């Protein structure tokens, strides 16, 4: 199930979004969806890495990536 959200973007950001979507052959919606998913993955990755490092775990970024994936 998908849900609709509304966001406000400055004109220059909206223009850059449109250009990037056209260059990548995606709709603006698909590009924003991908960007949010990428951001949330990176956020989860960093949080997990920080938590594991604070526990004294000696893991590489690849180890953390494998856990998050």
PDB file of N, CA and C in Angstrom:
ATOM      1  N   UNK A   1       0.846  -1.172   0.000  1.00  0.00           N
ATOM      2  CA  UNK A   1       0.000   0.000   0.000  1.00  0.00           C
ATOM      3  C   UNK A   1       0.894   1.239   0.000  1.00  0.00           C
ATOM      4  N   UNK A   2       0.545   2.193  -0.765  1.00  0.00           N
ATOM      5  CA  UNK A   2       1.307   3.443  -0.762  1.00  0.00           C
ATOM      6  C   UNK A   2       0.415   4.582  -0.283  1.00  0.00           C
ATOM      7  N   UNK A   3       1.074   5.589   0.239  1.00  0.00           N
ATOM      8  CA  UNK A   3       0.361   6.753   0.735  1.00  0.00           C
ATOM      9  C   UNK A   3       0.964   7.994   0.109  1.00  0.00           C
ATOM     10  N   UNK A   4       0.158   9.015   0.009  1.00  0.00           N
ATOM     11  CA  UNK A   4       0.595  10.274  -0.580  1.00  0.00           C
ATOM     12  C   UNK A   4       0.978  11.241   0.524  1.00  0.00           C
ATOM     13  N   UNK A   5       2.108  11.932   0.312  1.00  0.00           N
ATOM     14  CA  UNK A   5       2.493  13.023   1.200  1.00  0.00           C
ATOM     15  C   UNK A   5       2.717  14.254   0.332  1.00  0.00           C
ATOM     16  N   UNK A   6       2.634  15.394   0.949  1.00  0.00           N
ATOM     17  CA  UNK A   6       2.879  16.647   0.240  1.00  0.00           C
ATOM     18  C   UNK A   6       4.097  17.299   0.859  1.00  0.00           C
ATOM     19  N   UNK A   7       5.023  17.755   0.012  1.00  0.00           N
ATOM     20  CA  UNK A   7       6.201  18.458   0.504  1.00  0.00           C
ATOM     21  C   UNK A   7       6.335  19.783  -0.240  1.00  0.00           C
ATOM     22  N   UNK A   8       6.956  20.717   0.415  1.00  0.00           N
ATOM     23  CA  UNK A   8       7.249  22.004  -0.208  1.00  0.00           C
ATOM     24  C   UNK A   8       8.746  22.077  -0.464  1.00  0.00           C
ATOM     25  N   UNK A   9       9.115  22.435  -1.674  1.00  0.00           N
ATOM     26  CA  UNK A   9      10.514  22.556  -2.054  1.00  0.00           C
ATOM     27  C   UNK A   9      10.781  23.951  -2.590  1.00  0.00           C
ATOM     28  N   UNK A  10      11.957  24.488  -2.297  1.00  0.00           N
ATOM     29  CA  UNK A  10      12.330  25.753  -2.938  1.00  0.00           C
ATOM     30  C   UNK A  10      12.383  25.546  -4.459  1.00  0.00           C
ATOM     31  N   UNK A  11      12.187  26.618  -5.197  1.00  0.00           N
ATOM     32  CA  UNK A  11      12.148  26.516  -6.663  1.00  0.00           C
ATOM     33  C   UNK A  11      13.395  25.855  -7.238  1.00  0.00           C
ATOM     34  N   UNK A  12      14.577  26.206  -6.716  1.00  0.00           N
ATOM     35  CA  UNK A  12      15.802  25.642  -7.272  1.00  0.00           C
ATOM     36  C   UNK A  12      15.918  24.140  -6.982  1.00  0.00           C
ATOM     37  N   UNK A  13      15.432  23.713  -5.823  1.00  0.00           N
ATOM     38  CA  UNK A  13      15.452  22.278  -5.501  1.00  0.00           C
ATOM     39  C   UNK A  13      14.462  21.534  -6.386  1.00  0.00           C
ATOM     40  N   UNK A  14      13.299  22.093  -6.595  1.00  0.00           N
ATOM     41  CA  UNK A  14      12.282  21.464  -7.456  1.00  0.00           C
ATOM     42  C   UNK A  14      12.805  21.339  -8.881  1.00  0.00           C
ATOM     43  N   UNK A  15      13.484  22.375  -9.358  1.00  0.00           N
ATOM     44  CA  UNK A  15      14.051  22.336 -10.701  1.00  0.00           C
ATOM     45  C   UNK A  15      15.132  21.264 -10.808  1.00  0.00           C
ATOM     46  N   UNK A  16      15.990  21.185  -9.782  1.00  0.00           N
ATOM     47  CA  UNK A  16      17.046  20.166  -9.781  1.00  0.00           C
ATOM     48  C   UNK A  16      16.440  18.767  -9.710  1.00  0.00           C
ATOM     49  N   UNK A  17      15.360  18.599  -8.949  1.00  0.00           N
ATOM     50  CA  UNK A  17      14.669  17.318  -8.865  1.00  0.00           C
ATOM     51  C   UNK A  17      14.122  16.922 -10.226  1.00  0.00           C
ATOM     52  N   UNK A  18      13.502  17.864 -10.899  1.00  0.00           N
ATOM     53  CA  UNK A  18      12.954  17.607 -12.229  1.00  0.00           C
ATOM     54  C   UNK A  18      14.064  17.206 -13.194  1.00  0.00           C
ATOM     55  N   UNK A  19      15.166  17.933 -13.186  1.00  0.00           N
ATOM     56  CA  UNK A  19      16.296  17.624 -14.072  1.00  0.00           C
ATOM     57  C   UNK A  19      16.855  16.233 -13.782  1.00  0.00           C
ATOM     58  N   UNK A  20      17.048  15.914 -12.496  1.00  0.00           N
ATOM     59  CA  UNK A  20      17.610  14.616 -12.118  1.00  0.00           C
ATOM     60  C   UNK A  20      16.669  13.478 -12.510  1.00  0.00           C
ATOM     61  N   UNK A  21      15.379  13.683 -12.295  1.00  0.00           N
ATOM     62  CA  UNK A  21      14.402  12.654 -12.653  1.00  0.00           C
ATOM     63  C   UNK A  21      14.429  12.402 -14.156  1.00  0.00           C
ATOM     64  N   UNK A  22      14.483  13.472 -14.937  1.00  0.00           N
ATOM     65  CA  UNK A  22      14.541  13.313 -16.394  1.00  0.00           C
ATOM     66  C   UNK A  22      15.818  12.598 -16.822  1.00  0.00           C
ATOM     67  N   UNK A  23      16.946  12.990 -16.229  1.00  0.00           N
ATOM     68  CA  UNK A  23      18.225  12.358 -16.576  1.00  0.00           C
ATOM     69  C   UNK A  23      18.239  10.876 -16.220  1.00  0.00           C
ATOM     70  N   UNK A  24      17.603  10.526 -15.098  1.00  0.00           N
ATOM     71  CA  UNK A  24      17.594   9.135 -14.646  1.00  0.00           C
ATOM     72  C   UNK A  24      16.441   8.328 -15.238  1.00  0.00           C
ATOM     73  N   UNK A  25      15.563   8.983 -15.991  1.00  0.00           N
ATOM     74  CA  UNK A  25      14.432   8.280 -16.595  1.00  0.00           C
ATOM     75  C   UNK A  25      13.392   7.843 -15.576  1.00  0.00           C
ATOM     76  N   UNK A  26      13.264   8.631 -14.505  1.00  0.00           N
ATOM     77  CA  UNK A  26      12.306   8.322 -13.448  1.00  0.00           C
ATOM     78  C   UNK A  26      11.297   9.455 -13.317  1.00  0.00           C
ATOM     79  N   UNK A  27      10.177   9.141 -12.694  1.00  0.00           N
ATOM     80  CA  UNK A  27       9.259  10.219 -12.328  1.00  0.00           C
ATOM     81  C   UNK A  27       9.842  10.917 -11.102  1.00  0.00           C
ATOM     82  N   UNK A  28       9.405  12.128 -10.851  1.00  0.00           N
ATOM     83  CA  UNK A  28       9.853  12.824  -9.648  1.00  0.00           C
ATOM     84  C   UNK A  28       9.472  12.023  -8.406  1.00  0.00           C
ATOM     85  N   UNK A  29       8.294  11.447  -8.421  1.00  0.00           N
ATOM     86  CA  UNK A  29       7.839  10.652  -7.285  1.00  0.00           C
ATOM     87  C   UNK A  29       8.761   9.454  -7.047  1.00  0.00           C
ATOM     88  N   UNK A  30       9.124   8.757  -8.107  1.00  0.00           N
ATOM     89  CA  UNK A  30      10.006   7.590  -7.976  1.00  0.00           C
ATOM     90  C   UNK A  30      11.384   8.001  -7.471  1.00  0.00           C
ATOM     91  N   UNK A  31      11.879   9.143  -7.949  1.00  0.00           N
ATOM     92  CA  UNK A  31      13.183   9.613  -7.499  1.00  0.00           C
ATOM     93  C   UNK A  31      13.148   9.990  -6.024  1.00  0.00           C
ATOM     94  N   UNK A  32      12.101  10.673  -5.594  1.00  0.00           N
ATOM     95  CA  UNK A  32      11.971  11.038  -4.178  1.00  0.00           C
ATOM     96  C   UNK A  32      11.827   9.781  -3.329  1.00  0.00           C
ATOM     97  N   UNK A  33      11.043   8.812  -3.785  1.00  0.00           N
ATOM     98  CA  UNK A  33      10.885   7.556  -3.049  1.00  0.00           C
ATOM     99  C   UNK A  33      12.234   6.863  -2.875  1.00  0.00           C
ATOM    100  N   UNK A  34      13.023   6.816  -3.948  1.00  0.00           N
ATOM    101  CA  UNK A  34      14.353   6.202  -3.879  1.00  0.00           C
ATOM    102  C   UNK A  34      15.266   6.975  -2.935  1.00  0.00           C
ATOM    103  N   UNK A  35      15.228   8.294  -3.006  1.00  0.00           N
ATOM    104  CA  UNK A  35      16.079   9.120  -2.151  1.00  0.00           C
ATOM    105  C   UNK A  35      15.728   8.916  -0.677  1.00  0.00           C
ATOM    106  N   UNK A  36      14.449   8.846  -0.367  1.00  0.00           N
ATOM    107  CA  UNK A  36      14.030   8.637   1.022  1.00  0.00           C
ATOM    108  C   UNK A  36      14.446   7.244   1.485  1.00  0.00           C
ATOM    109  N   UNK A  37      14.247   6.232   0.644  1.00  0.00           N
ATOM    110  CA  UNK A  37      14.650   4.869   1.008  1.00  0.00           C
ATOM    111  C   UNK A  37      16.162   4.805   1.243  1.00  0.00           C
ATOM    112  N   UNK A  38      16.945   5.445   0.373  1.00  0.00           N
ATOM    113  CA  UNK A  38      18.403   5.476   0.546  1.00  0.00           C
ATOM    114  C   UNK A  38      18.782   6.172   1.841  1.00  0.00           C
ATOM    115  N   UNK A  39      18.148   7.300   2.127  1.00  0.00           N
ATOM    116  CA  UNK A  39      18.426   8.042   3.354  1.00  0.00           C
ATOM    117  C   UNK A  39      18.120   7.186   4.585  1.00  0.00           C
ATOM    118  N   UNK A  40      16.971   6.519   4.580  1.00  0.00           N
ATOM    119  CA  UNK A  40      16.586   5.709   5.726  1.00  0.00           C
ATOM    120  C   UNK A  40      17.539   4.530   5.913  1.00  0.00           C
ATOM    121  N   UNK A  41      18.018   3.943   4.816  1.00  0.00           N
ATOM    122  CA  UNK A  41      18.997   2.856   4.913  1.00  0.00           C
ATOM    123  C   UNK A  41      20.294   3.364   5.540  1.00  0.00           C
ATOM    124  N   UNK A  42      20.782   4.497   5.045  1.00  0.00           N
ATOM    125  CA  UNK A  42      22.029   5.066   5.567  1.00  0.00           C
ATOM    126  C   UNK A  42      21.864   5.431   7.042  1.00  0.00           C
ATOM    127  N   UNK A  43      20.716   5.986   7.385  1.00  0.00           N
ATOM    128  CA  UNK A  43      20.444   6.352   8.779  1.00  0.00           C
ATOM    129  C   UNK A  43      20.459   5.112   9.668  1.00  0.00           C
ATOM    130  N   UNK A  44      19.832   4.045   9.199  1.00  0.00           N
ATOM    131  CA  UNK A  44      19.813   2.782   9.945  1.00  0.00           C
ATOM    132  C   UNK A  44      21.221   2.209  10.064  1.00  0.00           C
ATOM    133  N   UNK A  45      21.976   2.264   8.978  1.00  0.00           N
ATOM    134  CA  UNK A  45      23.351   1.784   8.955  1.00  0.00           C
ATOM    135  C   UNK A  45      24.194   2.522   9.990  1.00  0.00           C
ATOM    136  N   UNK A  46      24.123   3.852   9.974  1.00  0.00           N
ATOM    137  CA  UNK A  46      24.923   4.652  10.911  1.00  0.00           C
ATOM    138  C   UNK A  46      24.532   4.382  12.354  1.00  0.00           C
ATOM    139  N   UNK A  47      23.243   4.261  12.606  1.00  0.00           N
ATOM    140  CA  UNK A  47      22.763   3.999  13.952  1.00  0.00           C
ATOM    141  C   UNK A  47      23.272   2.646  14.449  1.00  0.00           C
ATOM    142  N   UNK A  48      23.173   1.638  13.604  1.00  0.00           N
ATOM    143  CA  UNK A  48      23.633   0.308  13.985  1.00  0.00           C
ATOM    144  C   UNK A  48      25.143   0.303  14.193  1.00  0.00           C
ATOM    145  N   UNK A  49      25.875   0.952  13.297  1.00  0.00           N
ATOM    146  CA  UNK A  49      27.332   1.005  13.429  1.00  0.00           C
ATOM    147  C   UNK A  49      27.712   1.690  14.742  1.00  0.00           C
ATOM    148  N   UNK A  50      27.059   2.796  15.050  1.00  0.00           N
ATOM    149  CA  UNK A  50      27.350   3.516  16.293  1.00  0.00           C
ATOM    150  C   UNK A  50      27.054   2.656  17.516  1.00  0.00           C
ATOM    151  N   UNK A  51      25.918   1.978  17.482  1.00  0.00           N
ATOM    152  CA  UNK A  51      25.536   1.129  18.607  1.00  0.00           C
ATOM    153  C   UNK A  51      26.519  -0.024  18.790  1.00  0.00           C
ATOM    154  N   UNK A  52      26.919  -0.662  17.702  1.00  0.00           N
ATOM    155  CA  UNK A  52      27.851  -1.778  17.792  1.00  0.00           C
ATOM    156  C   UNK A  52      29.237  -1.316  18.239  1.00  0.00           C
ATOM    157  N   UNK A  53      29.663  -0.166  17.750  1.00  0.00           N
ATOM    158  CA  UNK A  53      30.972   0.344  18.136  1.00  0.00           C
ATOM    159  C   UNK A  53      30.985   0.726  19.614  1.00  0.00           C
ATOM    160  N   UNK A  54      29.876   1.248  20.123  1.00  0.00           N
ATOM    161  CA  UNK A  54      29.816   1.616  21.535  1.00  0.00           C
ATOM    162  C   UNK A  54      29.846   0.384  22.428  1.00  0.00           C
ATOM    163  N   UNK A  55      29.512  -0.770  21.879  1.00  0.00           N
ATOM    164  CA  UNK A  55      29.556  -2.029  22.625  1.00  0.00           C
ATOM    165  C   UNK A  55      30.934  -2.690  22.509  1.00  0.00           C
ATOM    166  N   UNK A  56      31.849  -2.001  21.835  1.00  0.00           N
ATOM    167  CA  UNK A  56      33.198  -2.527  21.705  1.00  0.00           C
ATOM    168  C   UNK A  56      33.357  -3.556  20.601  1.00  0.00           C
ATOM    169  N   UNK A  57      32.375  -3.656  19.732  1.00  0.00           N
ATOM    170  CA  UNK A  57      32.473  -4.598  18.615  1.00  0.00           C
ATOM    171  C   UNK A  57      33.445  -4.048  17.586  1.00  0.00           C
ATOM    172  N   UNK A  58      34.300  -4.881  17.081  1.00  0.00           N
ATOM    173  CA  UNK A  58      35.286  -4.486  16.082  1.00  0.00           C
ATOM    174  C   UNK A  58      34.806  -4.957  14.713  1.00  0.00           C
ATOM    175  N   UNK A  59      33.928  -4.158  14.099  1.00  0.00           N
ATOM    176  CA  UNK A  59      33.338  -4.526  12.819  1.00  0.00           C
ATOM    177  C   UNK A  59      33.734  -3.530  11.746  1.00  0.00           C
ATOM    178  N   UNK A  60      33.841  -4.027  10.540  1.00  0.00           N
ATOM    179  CA  UNK A  60      34.082  -3.143   9.401  1.00  0.00           C
ATOM    180  C   UNK A  60      32.742  -2.598   8.910  1.00  0.00           C
ATOM    181  N   UNK A  61      32.801  -1.581   8.061  1.00  0.00           N
ATOM    182  CA  UNK A  61      31.563  -1.074   7.460  1.00  0.00           C
ATOM    183  C   UNK A  61      30.862  -2.180   6.688  1.00  0.00           C
ATOM    184  N   UNK A  62      31.629  -3.063   6.049  1.00  0.00           N
ATOM    185  CA  UNK A  62      31.024  -4.178   5.302  1.00  0.00           C
ATOM    186  C   UNK A  62      30.269  -5.108   6.239  1.00  0.00           C
ATOM    187  N   UNK A  63      30.812  -5.371   7.426  1.00  0.00           N
ATOM    188  CA  UNK A  63      30.116  -6.202   8.407  1.00  0.00           C
ATOM    189  C   UNK A  63      28.773  -5.568   8.770  1.00  0.00           C
ATOM    190  N   UNK A  64      28.773  -4.274   9.028  1.00  0.00           N
ATOM    191  CA  UNK A  64      27.540  -3.578   9.398  1.00  0.00           C
ATOM    192  C   UNK A  64      26.568  -3.594   8.224  1.00  0.00           C
ATOM    193  N   UNK A  65      27.082  -3.356   7.010  1.00  0.00           N
ATOM    194  CA  UNK A  65      26.241  -3.391   5.812  1.00  0.00           C
ATOM    195  C   UNK A  65      25.557  -4.746   5.681  1.00  0.00           C
ATOM    196  N   UNK A  66      26.316  -5.816   5.911  1.00  0.00           N
ATOM    197  CA  UNK A  66      25.759  -7.163   5.806  1.00  0.00           C
ATOM    198  C   UNK A  66      24.645  -7.379   6.838  1.00  0.00           C
ATOM    199  N   UNK A  67      24.804  -6.816   8.037  1.00  0.00           N
ATOM    200  CA  UNK A  67      23.788  -6.942   9.077  1.00  0.00           C
ATOM    201  C   UNK A  67      22.527  -6.159   8.702  1.00  0.00           C
ATOM    202  N   UNK A  68      22.719  -4.950   8.156  1.00  0.00           N
ATOM    203  CA  UNK A  68      21.586  -4.082   7.815  1.00  0.00           C
ATOM    204  C   UNK A  68      20.825  -4.623   6.601  1.00  0.00           C
ATOM    205  N   UNK A  69      21.529  -5.206   5.670  1.00  0.00           N
ATOM    206  CA  UNK A  69      20.907  -5.670   4.416  1.00  0.00           C
ATOM    207  C   UNK A  69      19.993  -6.852   4.606  1.00  0.00           C
TER     208      UNK A  69
END
